[in-house]
Amino acid sequence: MTVGLLIIAHDQLGQVLLDTVLGTLGILPLPAKALSVSRDVDPDELVQRARELTRRLDTGDGVLVLTDMYGSTPGNIACRLLDEHVQVIAGVNLPMVFRVLNYPDLDLGALAEKAVSGGTAGVLRCEQPQVH
């Protein structure tokens, strides 16, 4: 069994992240889905859809939910899923998704830690090289 991955984000952001990793790696090593959140959909309906997705993704080892922004509608939906089988990390970015999908054998807690470390390590200030 493996941990499932659900990305809950504004518009198509989650699906674009998964598609980008799939295009690079050729596979998604964990069961993964994205839930798009738009302004015109009832948040309570989205919570029900998210719960159904987590049920389908959970093969017994839990589900890691990545969301784009804490306090936003996607983040609030994600936090409503929290229980002993679901962990939520906010601030999803491409390095975070790559990191998670490169460690498919980790348990839920360790995978959540990898998500945070991948996301933060992937944020860098780029500067022009010094010419001497």
Protein backbone atom coordinates (compact mmCIF):
# COMPACT_ATOMS: atom_id res chain seq x y z
CA MET A 1 0.00 0.00 0.00
CA THR A 2 1.02 3.62 -0.49
CA VAL A 3 -0.04 7.06 0.60
CA GLY A 4 -2.45 8.86 -1.72
CA LEU A 5 -1.91 12.44 -2.86
CA LEU A 6 -4.65 15.02 -3.31
CA ILE A 7 -3.94 18.58 -4.44
CA ILE A 8 -6.70 21.09 -3.69
CA ALA A 9 -6.00 24.41 -5.37
CA HIS A 10 -7.47 27.38 -7.20
CA ASP A 11 -8.67 26.74 -10.73
CA GLN A 12 -6.45 24.25 -12.61
CA LEU A 13 -3.27 24.75 -10.57
CA GLY A 14 -3.33 21.29 -8.99
CA GLN A 15 -3.89 19.47 -12.27
CA VAL A 16 -1.16 21.51 -13.96
CA LEU A 17 1.29 20.54 -11.21
CA LEU A 18 0.43 16.85 -11.58
CA ASP A 19 0.59 17.06 -15.39
CA THR A 20 4.01 18.71 -15.19
CA VAL A 21 5.42 15.97 -12.96
CA LEU A 22 3.84 13.29 -15.15
CA GLY A 23 5.38 14.87 -18.24
CA THR A 24 8.80 14.89 -16.58
CA LEU A 25 8.82 11.54 -14.76
CA GLY A 26 6.57 9.66 -17.16
CA ILE A 27 4.56 8.25 -14.23
CA LEU A 28 2.93 9.35 -11.00
CA PRO A 29 4.44 6.94 -8.44
CA LEU A 30 1.60 7.55 -5.97
CA PRO A 31 -2.15 7.53 -6.56
CA ALA A 32 -2.81 11.23 -7.14
CA LYS A 33 -5.73 13.50 -7.99
CA ALA A 34 -6.38 17.23 -8.13
CA LEU A 35 -9.49 19.09 -7.04
CA SER A 36 -10.04 22.44 -8.75
CA VAL A 37 -11.68 25.19 -6.73
CA SER A 38 -13.41 27.99 -8.58
CA ARG A 39 -15.51 30.86 -7.30
CA ASP A 40 -18.73 29.59 -8.79
CA VAL A 41 -18.87 26.24 -6.95
CA ASP A 42 -20.38 25.81 -3.49
CA PRO A 43 -17.59 25.10 -0.95
CA ASP A 44 -19.76 22.53 0.87
CA GLU A 45 -20.15 20.62 -2.40
CA LEU A 46 -16.38 20.74 -2.86
CA VAL A 47 -15.83 19.37 0.64
CA GLN A 48 -18.01 16.39 -0.26
CA ARG A 49 -16.06 15.86 -3.49
CA ALA A 50 -12.78 16.14 -1.58
CA ARG A 51 -13.94 13.58 0.99
CA GLU A 52 -14.88 11.19 -1.81
CA LEU A 53 -11.47 11.67 -3.44
CA THR A 54 -9.66 11.00 -0.16
CA ARG A 55 -11.72 7.83 0.35
CA ARG A 56 -10.73 6.62 -3.14
CA LEU A 57 -7.06 7.58 -2.71
CA ASP A 58 -6.66 6.02 0.75
CA THR A 59 -5.51 2.43 0.27
CA GLY A 60 -4.85 2.12 4.00
CA ASP A 61 -1.79 4.31 4.44
CA GLY A 62 -3.57 7.67 4.44
CA VAL A 63 -3.70 10.68 2.16
CA LEU A 64 -1.43 13.70 1.95
CA VAL A 65 -3.37 16.79 0.90
CA LEU A 66 -1.44 19.68 -0.59
CA THR A 67 -3.20 23.01 -0.94
CA ASP A 68 -2.11 26.30 -2.40
CA MET A 69 -2.79 28.88 0.27
CA TYR A 70 -3.70 28.58 3.94
CA GLY A 71 -6.85 30.55 4.77
CA SER A 72 -8.13 30.51 1.18
CA THR A 73 -11.15 28.49 0.07
CA PRO A 74 -8.98 25.56 -1.13
CA GLY A 75 -7.02 25.66 2.12
CA ASN A 76 -10.20 25.74 4.20
CA ILE A 77 -11.62 22.78 2.27
CA ALA A 78 -8.37 20.86 2.80
CA CYS A 79 -8.36 21.55 6.54
CA ARG A 80 -11.90 20.18 6.85
CA LEU A 81 -10.47 16.81 5.75
CA LEU A 82 -7.95 16.55 8.60
CA ASP A 83 -8.14 13.33 10.61
CA GLU A 84 -5.82 10.47 11.59
CA HIS A 85 -5.56 9.37 7.94
CA VAL A 86 -5.23 12.80 6.30
CA GLN A 87 -2.45 15.35 6.71
CA VAL A 88 -2.57 18.78 5.04
CA ILE A 89 0.31 20.97 3.88
CA ALA A 90 -0.34 24.50 2.56
CA GLY A 91 1.83 26.40 0.10
CA VAL A 92 2.02 23.80 -2.65
CA ASN A 93 4.60 24.43 -5.35
CA LEU A 94 6.23 22.36 -8.06
CA PRO A 95 9.37 21.43 -6.05
CA MET A 96 7.09 20.17 -3.26
CA VAL A 97 5.11 17.93 -5.62
CA PHE A 98 8.29 16.55 -7.19
CA ARG A 99 9.74 15.81 -3.74
CA VAL A 100 6.60 14.00 -2.60
CA LEU A 101 6.40 11.89 -5.75
CA ASN A 102 10.09 10.96 -5.51
CA TYR A 103 9.53 9.26 -2.14
CA PRO A 104 6.55 6.96 -2.77
CA ASP A 105 7.62 4.42 -0.13
CA LEU A 106 7.49 6.80 2.86
CA ASP A 107 4.69 6.73 5.41
CA LEU A 108 2.26 9.62 5.72
CA GLY A 109 4.15 11.54 8.41
CA ALA A 110 7.52 11.25 6.68
CA LEU A 111 5.99 12.18 3.35
CA ALA A 112 4.45 15.30 4.90
CA GLU A 113 7.92 16.28 6.16
CA LYS A 114 9.39 15.73 2.68
CA ALA A 115 6.64 17.95 1.24
CA VAL A 116 7.55 20.81 3.56
CA SER A 117 11.30 20.42 3.00
CA GLY A 118 10.86 20.19 -0.78
CA GLY A 119 8.63 23.22 -0.86
CA THR A 120 10.88 25.41 1.24
CA ALA A 121 14.15 24.24 -0.33
CA GLY A 122 12.69 25.01 -3.74
CA VAL A 123 12.22 28.70 -2.93
CA LEU A 124 15.43 30.55 -3.79
CA ARG A 125 16.38 34.09 -4.59
CA CYS A 126 18.10 34.13 -7.97
CA GLU A 127 20.83 36.67 -8.57
CA GLN A 128 23.02 37.56 -11.48
CA PRO A 129 26.47 35.99 -11.27
CA GLN A 130 29.29 38.32 -10.44
CA VAL A 131 31.53 39.04 -13.44
CA HIS A 132 35.17 39.59 -12.56
